[in-house]
Amino acid sequence: MPPARPLICHPATPCTVAPALTVTLEPLADHWRLRYELTGDITRLRLPQPNPYATFTDGLWRHSCFELFVGSAGDAAYREFNFSPSGDWAVYAFSADRVRAEVAPTLPAPRIACERQPHALTLQAWVPVAALLRHGGADHMIGLTAVIEASDGSLSYWALHHPAPQPDFHHRGGWTARLPAFR
């Protein structure tokens, strides 16, 4: 398994209840496996309850959720994936920065598993390769991010890198992970 990458809390949105968040991204033959590990006083976070009928849900980023952005250099199109601790998910296709594709393709759903303990939360997501963009030889630019909601309703924004004064997960300057393109 590849090494875990630390996510950094944006300084404009400090979080005192979750001192560490890491993510591991493992590309496999038919899917990408992501493992987000949040450590801290989980009891002081506002987390959605597990949904036995997990489904596509818009607006997950307004509360605690884990995210994946995938694009490539030279192509304005990209995908955004949201994974909720409830098991709910969202997948968005964009044709340009924050512009949803006019004809959104039907994308296969990710599979999500979440384990909660008093001082740790682990969320795993399996993203089918069919849901990812295929680029003609260009490496994938990847943004690994999270929104964490404290019990008081405050939000903190976590990413591999924050290139702007305010949190902006759509900013490609924060998509610092790279994976080879599909062949």
N, C-alpha and C. Protein backbone atom coordinates (compact mmCIF):
# COMPACT_ATOMS: atom_id res chain seq x y z
N MET A 1 0.85 -1.18 0.00
CA MET A 1 0.00 0.00 0.00
C MET A 1 0.89 1.24 0.00
N PRO A 2 0.53 2.25 -0.80
CA PRO A 2 1.30 3.49 -0.81
C PRO A 2 1.28 4.17 0.55
N PRO A 3 2.23 5.07 0.79
CA PRO A 3 2.24 5.77 2.08
C PRO A 3 1.06 6.73 2.22
N ALA A 4 0.67 6.97 3.46
CA ALA A 4 -0.39 7.93 3.76
C ALA A 4 0.13 9.34 3.55
N ARG A 5 -0.70 10.19 2.99
CA ARG A 5 -0.35 11.58 2.76
C ARG A 5 -1.09 12.44 3.78
N PRO A 6 -0.41 13.34 4.45
CA PRO A 6 -1.12 14.20 5.42
C PRO A 6 -1.92 15.29 4.71
N LEU A 7 -3.13 15.52 5.18
CA LEU A 7 -3.90 16.67 4.73
C LEU A 7 -3.68 17.79 5.74
N ILE A 8 -3.66 19.01 5.25
CA ILE A 8 -3.37 20.19 6.07
C ILE A 8 -4.66 20.98 6.25
N CYS A 9 -4.92 21.38 7.47
CA CYS A 9 -6.08 22.22 7.76
C CYS A 9 -5.78 23.64 7.28
N HIS A 10 -6.71 24.24 6.53
CA HIS A 10 -6.50 25.60 6.05
C HIS A 10 -6.42 26.55 7.26
N PRO A 11 -5.42 27.44 7.29
CA PRO A 11 -5.26 28.33 8.45
C PRO A 11 -6.44 29.26 8.69
N ALA A 12 -7.25 29.52 7.67
CA ALA A 12 -8.42 30.39 7.86
C ALA A 12 -9.58 29.66 8.55
N THR A 13 -9.46 28.32 8.66
CA THR A 13 -10.54 27.53 9.28
C THR A 13 -9.94 26.52 10.25
N PRO A 14 -9.34 26.97 11.34
CA PRO A 14 -8.66 26.04 12.25
C PRO A 14 -9.62 25.02 12.87
N CYS A 15 -9.05 23.87 13.20
CA CYS A 15 -9.82 22.79 13.83
C CYS A 15 -9.01 22.28 15.02
N THR A 16 -9.58 22.37 16.20
CA THR A 16 -8.86 21.93 17.40
C THR A 16 -9.23 20.52 17.83
N VAL A 17 -10.30 19.96 17.28
CA VAL A 17 -10.74 18.64 17.73
C VAL A 17 -10.20 17.50 16.87
N ALA A 18 -9.65 17.79 15.71
CA ALA A 18 -9.11 16.76 14.83
C ALA A 18 -7.67 17.12 14.48
N PRO A 19 -6.70 16.69 15.27
CA PRO A 19 -5.34 17.13 15.04
C PRO A 19 -4.64 16.49 13.83
N ALA A 20 -5.17 15.41 13.28
CA ALA A 20 -4.48 14.79 12.16
C ALA A 20 -5.46 14.13 11.20
N LEU A 21 -5.17 14.28 9.90
CA LEU A 21 -5.97 13.65 8.86
C LEU A 21 -5.02 13.23 7.75
N THR A 22 -5.07 11.96 7.41
CA THR A 22 -4.22 11.44 6.33
C THR A 22 -5.10 10.72 5.32
N VAL A 23 -4.56 10.56 4.11
CA VAL A 23 -5.27 9.80 3.08
C VAL A 23 -4.26 8.98 2.29
N THR A 24 -4.67 7.78 1.95
CA THR A 24 -3.88 6.90 1.11
C THR A 24 -4.68 6.66 -0.16
N LEU A 25 -4.03 6.78 -1.30
CA LEU A 25 -4.65 6.52 -2.59
C LEU A 25 -3.91 5.38 -3.26
N GLU A 26 -4.65 4.32 -3.56
CA GLU A 26 -4.04 3.14 -4.17
C GLU A 26 -4.77 2.82 -5.47
N PRO A 27 -4.11 3.03 -6.62
CA PRO A 27 -4.74 2.68 -7.89
C PRO A 27 -4.65 1.18 -8.12
N LEU A 28 -5.78 0.56 -8.38
CA LEU A 28 -5.84 -0.88 -8.66
C LEU A 28 -6.41 -1.06 -10.07
N ALA A 29 -6.49 -2.29 -10.52
CA ALA A 29 -6.87 -2.56 -11.91
C ALA A 29 -8.22 -1.97 -12.31
N ASP A 30 -9.25 -2.15 -11.49
CA ASP A 30 -10.58 -1.70 -11.89
C ASP A 30 -11.16 -0.59 -11.00
N HIS A 31 -10.38 -0.13 -10.03
CA HIS A 31 -10.85 0.94 -9.15
C HIS A 31 -9.67 1.60 -8.44
N TRP A 32 -9.95 2.78 -7.87
CA TRP A 32 -9.00 3.43 -6.98
C TRP A 32 -9.52 3.25 -5.57
N ARG A 33 -8.64 2.88 -4.66
CA ARG A 33 -9.02 2.72 -3.25
C ARG A 33 -8.44 3.89 -2.47
N LEU A 34 -9.30 4.59 -1.74
CA LEU A 34 -8.87 5.70 -0.89
C LEU A 34 -9.16 5.33 0.55
N ARG A 35 -8.25 5.70 1.43
CA ARG A 35 -8.43 5.45 2.86
C ARG A 35 -8.10 6.75 3.60
N TYR A 36 -9.12 7.38 4.15
CA TYR A 36 -8.98 8.60 4.93
C TYR A 36 -8.97 8.21 6.41
N GLU A 37 -7.98 8.71 7.16
CA GLU A 37 -7.89 8.42 8.59
C GLU A 37 -7.83 9.73 9.36
N LEU A 38 -8.86 9.95 10.16
CA LEU A 38 -8.98 11.16 10.97
C LEU A 38 -8.78 10.77 12.42
N THR A 39 -7.83 11.43 13.09
CA THR A 39 -7.61 11.15 14.51
C THR A 39 -7.85 12.41 15.32
N GLY A 40 -8.34 12.21 16.52
CA GLY A 40 -8.68 13.31 17.41
C GLY A 40 -9.91 12.92 18.21
N ASP A 41 -10.52 13.87 18.86
CA ASP A 41 -11.71 13.60 19.66
C ASP A 41 -12.93 13.56 18.74
N ILE A 42 -13.18 12.40 18.18
CA ILE A 42 -14.26 12.22 17.21
C ILE A 42 -15.62 12.55 17.82
N THR A 43 -15.74 12.38 19.13
CA THR A 43 -17.02 12.66 19.80
C THR A 43 -17.37 14.15 19.73
N ARG A 44 -16.39 15.00 19.40
CA ARG A 44 -16.64 16.44 19.30
C ARG A 44 -16.87 16.89 17.85
N LEU A 45 -17.12 15.91 16.98
CA LEU A 45 -17.41 16.21 15.58
C LEU A 45 -18.88 15.95 15.30
N ARG A 46 -19.42 16.67 14.35
CA ARG A 46 -20.78 16.43 13.88
C ARG A 46 -20.66 15.54 12.65
N LEU A 47 -21.01 14.27 12.85
CA LEU A 47 -20.91 13.29 11.78
C LEU A 47 -22.29 12.73 11.47
N PRO A 48 -22.61 12.57 10.19
CA PRO A 48 -23.91 12.00 9.85
C PRO A 48 -23.97 10.53 10.27
N GLN A 49 -25.17 10.09 10.61
CA GLN A 49 -25.37 8.70 10.99
C GLN A 49 -25.30 7.81 9.75
N PRO A 50 -24.90 6.55 9.92
CA PRO A 50 -24.86 5.63 8.77
C PRO A 50 -26.24 5.52 8.10
N ASN A 51 -26.22 5.51 6.80
CA ASN A 51 -27.45 5.37 6.01
C ASN A 51 -27.43 4.00 5.35
N PRO A 52 -28.28 3.07 5.79
CA PRO A 52 -28.28 1.73 5.19
C PRO A 52 -28.71 1.74 3.73
N TYR A 53 -29.30 2.85 3.28
CA TYR A 53 -29.73 2.98 1.88
C TYR A 53 -28.94 4.09 1.21
N ALA A 54 -27.64 4.07 1.39
CA ALA A 54 -26.77 5.13 0.87
C ALA A 54 -27.06 5.38 -0.61
N THR A 55 -27.04 6.66 -0.96
CA THR A 55 -27.41 7.06 -2.31
C THR A 55 -26.69 8.35 -2.70
N PHE A 56 -26.85 8.75 -3.96
CA PHE A 56 -26.34 10.04 -4.40
C PHE A 56 -27.04 11.14 -3.60
N THR A 57 -26.24 12.05 -3.03
CA THR A 57 -26.78 13.15 -2.25
C THR A 57 -26.00 14.41 -2.58
N ASP A 58 -26.69 15.43 -3.05
CA ASP A 58 -26.05 16.70 -3.37
C ASP A 58 -25.78 17.48 -2.08
N GLY A 59 -24.72 18.27 -2.06
CA GLY A 59 -24.43 19.16 -0.94
C GLY A 59 -23.72 18.51 0.23
N LEU A 60 -23.13 17.34 0.04
CA LEU A 60 -22.43 16.68 1.15
C LEU A 60 -21.31 17.55 1.71
N TRP A 61 -20.70 18.37 0.87
CA TRP A 61 -19.58 19.22 1.28
C TRP A 61 -19.99 20.30 2.29
N ARG A 62 -21.28 20.44 2.54
CA ARG A 62 -21.73 21.41 3.55
C ARG A 62 -21.53 20.89 4.97
N HIS A 63 -21.17 19.62 5.08
CA HIS A 63 -20.96 18.96 6.38
C HIS A 63 -19.70 18.10 6.27
N SER A 64 -19.46 17.24 7.23
CA SER A 64 -18.27 16.38 7.19
C SER A 64 -18.34 15.47 5.97
N CYS A 65 -17.33 15.57 5.12
CA CYS A 65 -17.21 14.64 4.00
C CYS A 65 -15.76 14.64 3.51
N PHE A 66 -15.44 13.60 2.78
CA PHE A 66 -14.09 13.42 2.24
C PHE A 66 -14.22 13.49 0.73
N GLU A 67 -13.19 14.05 0.07
CA GLU A 67 -13.34 14.36 -1.34
C GLU A 67 -12.12 13.96 -2.16
N LEU A 68 -12.39 13.79 -3.45
CA LEU A 68 -11.36 13.49 -4.44
C LEU A 68 -11.66 14.32 -5.68
N PHE A 69 -10.66 15.04 -6.18
CA PHE A 69 -10.76 15.78 -7.43
C PHE A 69 -9.76 15.16 -8.40
N VAL A 70 -10.19 14.93 -9.65
CA VAL A 70 -9.31 14.31 -10.65
C VAL A 70 -9.44 15.07 -11.96
N GLY A 71 -8.30 15.52 -12.49
CA GLY A 71 -8.25 16.17 -13.78
C GLY A 71 -6.90 15.88 -14.42
N SER A 72 -6.56 16.62 -15.46
CA SER A 72 -5.22 16.49 -16.04
C SER A 72 -4.80 17.84 -16.61
N ALA A 73 -3.49 18.03 -16.71
CA ALA A 73 -2.96 19.28 -17.26
C ALA A 73 -3.41 19.40 -18.72
N GLY A 74 -3.79 20.60 -19.11
CA GLY A 74 -4.17 20.84 -20.49
C GLY A 74 -5.61 20.49 -20.81
N ASP A 75 -6.38 20.03 -19.83
CA ASP A 75 -7.79 19.68 -20.05
C ASP A 75 -8.61 20.34 -18.95
N ALA A 76 -9.57 21.16 -19.32
CA ALA A 76 -10.37 21.88 -18.33
C ALA A 76 -11.35 20.96 -17.59
N ALA A 77 -11.69 19.83 -18.19
CA ALA A 77 -12.66 18.91 -17.57
C ALA A 77 -12.06 18.22 -16.35
N TYR A 78 -12.92 17.95 -15.37
CA TYR A 78 -12.48 17.21 -14.19
C TYR A 78 -13.68 16.59 -13.50
N ARG A 79 -13.39 15.72 -12.54
CA ARG A 79 -14.42 15.06 -11.74
C ARG A 79 -14.22 15.42 -10.27
N GLU A 80 -15.34 15.48 -9.55
CA GLU A 80 -15.32 15.66 -8.10
C GLU A 80 -16.12 14.53 -7.48
N PHE A 81 -15.55 13.89 -6.47
CA PHE A 81 -16.20 12.81 -5.74
C PHE A 81 -16.32 13.22 -4.27
N ASN A 82 -17.50 13.05 -3.69
CA ASN A 82 -17.73 13.33 -2.27
C ASN A 82 -18.13 12.03 -1.59
N PHE A 83 -17.52 11.74 -0.45
CA PHE A 83 -17.79 10.52 0.31
C PHE A 83 -18.19 10.91 1.73
N SER A 84 -19.40 10.59 2.13
CA SER A 84 -19.87 10.93 3.47
C SER A 84 -19.68 9.76 4.43
N PRO A 85 -19.40 10.05 5.70
CA PRO A 85 -19.35 8.97 6.70
C PRO A 85 -20.68 8.22 6.80
N SER A 86 -21.76 8.79 6.29
CA SER A 86 -23.06 8.10 6.29
C SER A 86 -23.10 6.98 5.26
N GLY A 87 -22.19 7.04 4.28
CA GLY A 87 -22.21 6.13 3.15
C GLY A 87 -22.78 6.79 1.90
N ASP A 88 -23.42 7.95 2.06
CA ASP A 88 -23.92 8.69 0.90
C ASP A 88 -22.73 9.22 0.10
N TRP A 89 -22.98 9.54 -1.14
CA TRP A 89 -21.90 9.94 -2.04
C TRP A 89 -22.44 10.92 -3.08
N ALA A 90 -21.50 11.57 -3.77
CA ALA A 90 -21.83 12.41 -4.92
C ALA A 90 -20.67 12.35 -5.89
N VAL A 91 -21.00 12.38 -7.17
CA VAL A 91 -20.00 12.43 -8.23
C VAL A 91 -20.45 13.52 -9.20
N TYR A 92 -19.53 14.43 -9.50
CA TYR A 92 -19.85 15.53 -10.40
C TYR A 92 -18.85 15.55 -11.55
N ALA A 93 -19.35 15.83 -12.76
CA ALA A 93 -18.51 16.03 -13.93
C ALA A 93 -18.51 17.52 -14.25
N PHE A 94 -17.32 18.09 -14.39
CA PHE A 94 -17.17 19.51 -14.71
C PHE A 94 -16.50 19.63 -16.08
N SER A 95 -16.96 20.60 -16.88
CA SER A 95 -16.34 20.86 -18.18
C SER A 95 -15.26 21.93 -18.07
N ALA A 96 -15.33 22.74 -17.02
CA ALA A 96 -14.35 23.79 -16.73
C ALA A 96 -14.45 24.11 -15.24
N ASP A 97 -13.62 25.05 -14.78
CA ASP A 97 -13.60 25.39 -13.36
C ASP A 97 -14.99 25.74 -12.85
N ARG A 98 -15.54 24.89 -11.98
CA ARG A 98 -16.85 25.07 -11.35
C ARG A 98 -18.03 25.11 -12.32
N VAL A 99 -17.83 24.66 -13.55
CA VAL A 99 -18.89 24.61 -14.55
C VAL A 99 -19.27 23.15 -14.76
N ARG A 100 -20.44 22.79 -14.24
CA ARG A 100 -20.88 21.39 -14.40
C ARG A 100 -21.12 21.10 -15.88
N ALA A 101 -20.75 19.91 -16.29
CA ALA A 101 -20.94 19.49 -17.68
C ALA A 101 -22.42 19.57 -18.04
N GLU A 102 -22.71 20.11 -19.24
CA GLU A 102 -24.11 20.26 -19.66
C GLU A 102 -24.81 18.91 -19.72
N VAL A 103 -24.13 17.95 -20.26
CA VAL A 103 -24.67 16.59 -20.31
C VAL A 103 -23.79 15.76 -19.40
N ALA A 104 -24.23 15.61 -18.17
CA ALA A 104 -23.43 14.85 -17.20
C ALA A 104 -23.53 13.36 -17.53
N PRO A 105 -22.39 12.72 -17.65
CA PRO A 105 -22.43 11.29 -17.92
C PRO A 105 -22.97 10.52 -16.71
N THR A 106 -23.55 9.38 -16.97
CA THR A 106 -23.97 8.51 -15.88
C THR A 106 -22.71 7.83 -15.36
N LEU A 107 -22.35 8.13 -14.13
CA LEU A 107 -21.11 7.62 -13.56
C LEU A 107 -21.42 6.57 -12.52
N PRO A 108 -20.65 5.48 -12.49
CA PRO A 108 -20.90 4.46 -11.48
C PRO A 108 -20.62 4.98 -10.07
N ALA A 109 -21.37 4.48 -9.13
CA ALA A 109 -21.25 4.92 -7.73
C ALA A 109 -20.02 4.33 -7.07
N PRO A 110 -19.40 5.10 -6.19
CA PRO A 110 -18.32 4.53 -5.37
C PRO A 110 -18.92 3.65 -4.28
N ARG A 111 -18.10 2.82 -3.70
CA ARG A 111 -18.49 2.04 -2.53
C ARG A 111 -17.78 2.65 -1.34
N ILE A 112 -18.46 2.77 -0.21
CA ILE A 112 -17.91 3.46 0.97
C ILE A 112 -18.10 2.60 2.20
N ALA A 113 -17.06 2.56 3.04
CA ALA A 113 -17.14 1.90 4.36
C ALA A 113 -16.54 2.86 5.37
N CYS A 114 -17.18 2.98 6.52
CA CYS A 114 -16.71 3.91 7.54
C CYS A 114 -16.71 3.22 8.90
N GLU A 115 -15.60 3.38 9.60
CA GLU A 115 -15.46 2.82 10.96
C GLU A 115 -15.19 3.97 11.91
N ARG A 116 -15.99 4.04 12.98
CA ARG A 116 -15.87 5.11 13.96
C ARG A 116 -15.43 4.55 15.30
N GLN A 117 -14.48 5.24 15.92
CA GLN A 117 -14.04 4.95 17.27
C GLN A 117 -13.96 6.30 17.99
N PRO A 118 -13.87 6.31 19.33
CA PRO A 118 -13.85 7.61 20.03
C PRO A 118 -12.72 8.55 19.59
N HIS A 119 -11.58 7.99 19.17
CA HIS A 119 -10.45 8.85 18.80
C HIS A 119 -9.96 8.62 17.38
N ALA A 120 -10.78 8.00 16.55
CA ALA A 120 -10.39 7.79 15.16
C ALA A 120 -11.61 7.50 14.30
N LEU A 121 -11.54 7.98 13.09
CA LEU A 121 -12.55 7.67 12.08
C LEU A 121 -11.79 7.26 10.83
N THR A 122 -12.15 6.12 10.27
CA THR A 122 -11.54 5.66 9.03
C THR A 122 -12.64 5.50 7.99
N LEU A 123 -12.49 6.19 6.88
CA LEU A 123 -13.41 6.06 5.76
C LEU A 123 -12.64 5.52 4.58
N GLN A 124 -13.15 4.45 3.99
CA GLN A 124 -12.57 3.90 2.77
C GLN A 124 -13.57 4.07 1.64
N ALA A 125 -13.07 4.42 0.48
CA ALA A 125 -13.91 4.56 -0.71
C ALA A 125 -13.23 3.84 -1.86
N TRP A 126 -14.03 3.13 -2.61
CA TRP A 126 -13.56 2.44 -3.80
C TRP A 126 -14.24 3.10 -4.99
N VAL A 127 -13.44 3.77 -5.83
CA VAL A 127 -13.97 4.52 -6.97
C VAL A 127 -13.71 3.70 -8.24
N PRO A 128 -14.78 3.30 -8.94
CA PRO A 128 -14.58 2.54 -10.18
C PRO A 128 -13.80 3.35 -11.21
N VAL A 129 -12.88 2.69 -11.89
CA VAL A 129 -12.10 3.36 -12.93
C VAL A 129 -13.02 3.97 -13.98
N ALA A 130 -14.16 3.33 -14.22
CA ALA A 130 -15.11 3.83 -15.22
C ALA A 130 -15.65 5.22 -14.86
N ALA A 131 -15.56 5.62 -13.61
CA ALA A 131 -16.04 6.94 -13.19
C ALA A 131 -15.00 8.03 -13.39
N LEU A 132 -13.77 7.65 -13.68
CA LEU A 132 -12.67 8.61 -13.82
C LEU A 132 -12.55 9.06 -15.27
N LEU A 133 -11.96 10.22 -15.47
CA LEU A 133 -11.70 10.70 -16.83
C LEU A 133 -10.54 9.92 -17.43
N ARG A 134 -10.62 9.71 -18.72
CA ARG A 134 -9.50 9.09 -19.43
C ARG A 134 -8.83 10.19 -20.26
N HIS A 135 -7.56 10.37 -20.02
CA HIS A 135 -6.82 11.42 -20.70
C HIS A 135 -5.80 10.78 -21.63
N GLY A 136 -5.64 11.38 -22.77
CA GLY A 136 -4.71 10.85 -23.76
C GLY A 136 -3.26 11.03 -23.38
N GLY A 137 -2.77 10.28 -22.44
CA GLY A 137 -1.37 10.29 -22.09
C GLY A 137 -0.97 11.24 -20.98
N ALA A 138 -1.82 12.19 -20.63
CA ALA A 138 -1.47 13.14 -19.56
C ALA A 138 -1.71 12.50 -18.20
N ASP A 139 -0.80 12.75 -17.27
CA ASP A 139 -0.96 12.21 -15.92
C ASP A 139 -2.17 12.84 -15.24
N HIS A 140 -2.76 12.08 -14.32
CA HIS A 140 -3.86 12.59 -13.52
C HIS A 140 -3.33 13.57 -12.49
N MET A 141 -3.99 14.72 -12.37
CA MET A 141 -3.75 15.69 -11.29
C MET A 141 -4.82 15.40 -10.25
N ILE A 142 -4.40 15.22 -9.00
CA ILE A 142 -5.34 14.75 -7.99
C ILE A 142 -5.34 15.68 -6.79
N GLY A 143 -6.54 16.07 -6.39
CA GLY A 143 -6.75 16.82 -5.16
C GLY A 143 -7.41 15.91 -4.14
N LEU A 144 -6.80 15.76 -2.99
CA LEU A 144 -7.33 14.95 -1.89
C LEU A 144 -7.71 15.92 -0.79
N THR A 145 -8.98 15.94 -0.41
CA THR A 145 -9.49 16.98 0.47
C THR A 145 -10.52 16.44 1.44
N ALA A 146 -10.89 17.27 2.41
CA ALA A 146 -11.95 16.91 3.36
C ALA A 146 -12.54 18.17 3.97
N VAL A 147 -13.80 18.06 4.34
CA VAL A 147 -14.49 19.08 5.13
C VAL A 147 -14.86 18.40 6.43
N ILE A 148 -14.47 19.00 7.55
CA ILE A 148 -14.76 18.42 8.87
C ILE A 148 -15.61 19.42 9.65
N GLU A 149 -16.76 18.92 10.14
CA GLU A 149 -17.68 19.76 10.89
C GLU A 149 -17.58 19.44 12.38
N ALA A 150 -17.26 20.45 13.18
CA ALA A 150 -17.21 20.28 14.64
C ALA A 150 -18.63 20.28 15.19
N SER A 151 -18.78 19.83 16.42
CA SER A 151 -20.11 19.75 17.03
C SER A 151 -20.78 21.12 17.16
N ASP A 152 -19.99 22.20 17.14
CA ASP A 152 -20.59 23.54 17.19
C ASP A 152 -21.01 24.06 15.81
N GLY A 153 -20.84 23.23 14.77
CA GLY A 153 -21.23 23.61 13.42
C GLY A 153 -20.14 24.27 12.61
N SER A 154 -18.99 24.58 13.22
CA SER A 154 -17.90 25.20 12.46
C SER A 154 -17.29 24.17 11.51
N LEU A 155 -16.85 24.66 10.35
CA LEU A 155 -16.26 23.80 9.34
C LEU A 155 -14.77 24.08 9.21
N SER A 156 -13.99 23.03 9.05
CA SER A 156 -12.57 23.18 8.72
C SER A 156 -12.33 22.48 7.39
N TYR A 157 -11.40 23.02 6.62
CA TYR A 157 -11.14 22.55 5.26
C TYR A 157 -9.71 22.03 5.18
N TRP A 158 -9.57 20.80 4.73
CA TRP A 158 -8.30 20.09 4.71
C TRP A 158 -7.94 19.71 3.28
N ALA A 159 -6.65 19.81 2.94
CA ALA A 159 -6.19 19.46 1.60
C ALA A 159 -4.70 19.14 1.65
N LEU A 160 -4.22 18.54 0.57
CA LEU A 160 -2.78 18.30 0.45
C LEU A 160 -2.03 19.63 0.44
N HIS A 161 -2.63 20.63 -0.19
CA HIS A 161 -2.01 21.96 -0.32
C HIS A 161 -3.13 22.98 -0.49
N HIS A 162 -2.96 24.14 0.11
CA HIS A 162 -3.93 25.24 -0.02
C HIS A 162 -3.24 26.39 -0.75
N PRO A 163 -3.54 26.61 -2.04
CA PRO A 163 -2.86 27.66 -2.79
C PRO A 163 -3.47 29.05 -2.67
N ALA A 164 -4.61 29.17 -1.98
CA ALA A 164 -5.32 30.46 -1.93
C ALA A 164 -5.55 30.89 -0.48
N PRO A 165 -5.79 32.20 -0.26
CA PRO A 165 -6.03 32.70 1.10
C PRO A 165 -7.28 32.12 1.75
N GLN A 166 -8.27 31.72 0.95
CA GLN A 166 -9.47 31.06 1.45
C GLN A 166 -9.53 29.64 0.87
N PRO A 167 -10.16 28.71 1.57
CA PRO A 167 -10.24 27.34 1.06
C PRO A 167 -10.91 27.30 -0.32
N ASP A 168 -10.30 26.57 -1.25
CA ASP A 168 -10.85 26.42 -2.60
C ASP A 168 -10.36 25.10 -3.17
N PHE A 169 -11.15 24.06 -2.99
CA PHE A 169 -10.75 22.73 -3.44
C PHE A 169 -10.76 22.60 -4.96
N HIS A 170 -11.45 23.50 -5.67
CA HIS A 170 -11.47 23.44 -7.13
C HIS A 170 -10.22 24.07 -7.74
N HIS A 171 -9.42 24.74 -6.95
CA HIS A 171 -8.19 25.40 -7.42
C HIS A 171 -7.16 24.31 -7.73
N ARG A 172 -6.77 24.22 -8.99
CA ARG A 172 -5.85 23.15 -9.40
C ARG A 172 -4.47 23.26 -8.76
N GLY A 173 -4.14 24.40 -8.23
CA GLY A 173 -2.87 24.53 -7.52
C GLY A 173 -2.81 23.65 -6.29
N GLY A 174 -3.95 23.20 -5.80
CA GLY A 174 -4.00 22.30 -4.65
C GLY A 174 -4.01 20.83 -5.03
N TRP A 175 -4.07 20.55 -6.31
CA TRP A 175 -4.11 19.15 -6.77
C TRP A 175 -2.68 18.68 -6.99
N THR A 176 -2.01 18.37 -5.92
CA THR A 176 -0.56 18.12 -5.99
C THR A 176 -0.18 16.66 -6.13
N ALA A 177 -1.12 15.75 -5.98
CA ALA A 177 -0.80 14.32 -6.19
C ALA A 177 -0.88 14.02 -7.68
N ARG A 178 -0.08 13.09 -8.12
CA ARG A 178 -0.07 12.69 -9.53
C ARG A 178 -0.13 11.17 -9.63
N LEU A 179 -0.85 10.71 -10.64
CA LEU A 179 -0.86 9.29 -11.00
C LEU A 179 -0.78 9.19 -12.51
N PRO A 180 -0.11 8.15 -13.02
CA PRO A 180 -0.03 8.00 -14.48
C PRO A 180 -1.41 7.86 -15.11
N ALA A 181 -1.52 8.34 -16.35
CA ALA A 181 -2.77 8.22 -17.09
C ALA A 181 -3.05 6.76 -17.40
N PHE A 182 -4.32 6.47 -17.67
CA PHE A 182 -4.69 5.12 -18.09
C PHE A 182 -4.09 4.86 -19.46
N ARG A 183 -3.65 3.69 -19.66
CA ARG A 183 -3.08 3.31 -20.97
C ARG A 183 -4.04 2.44 -21.73
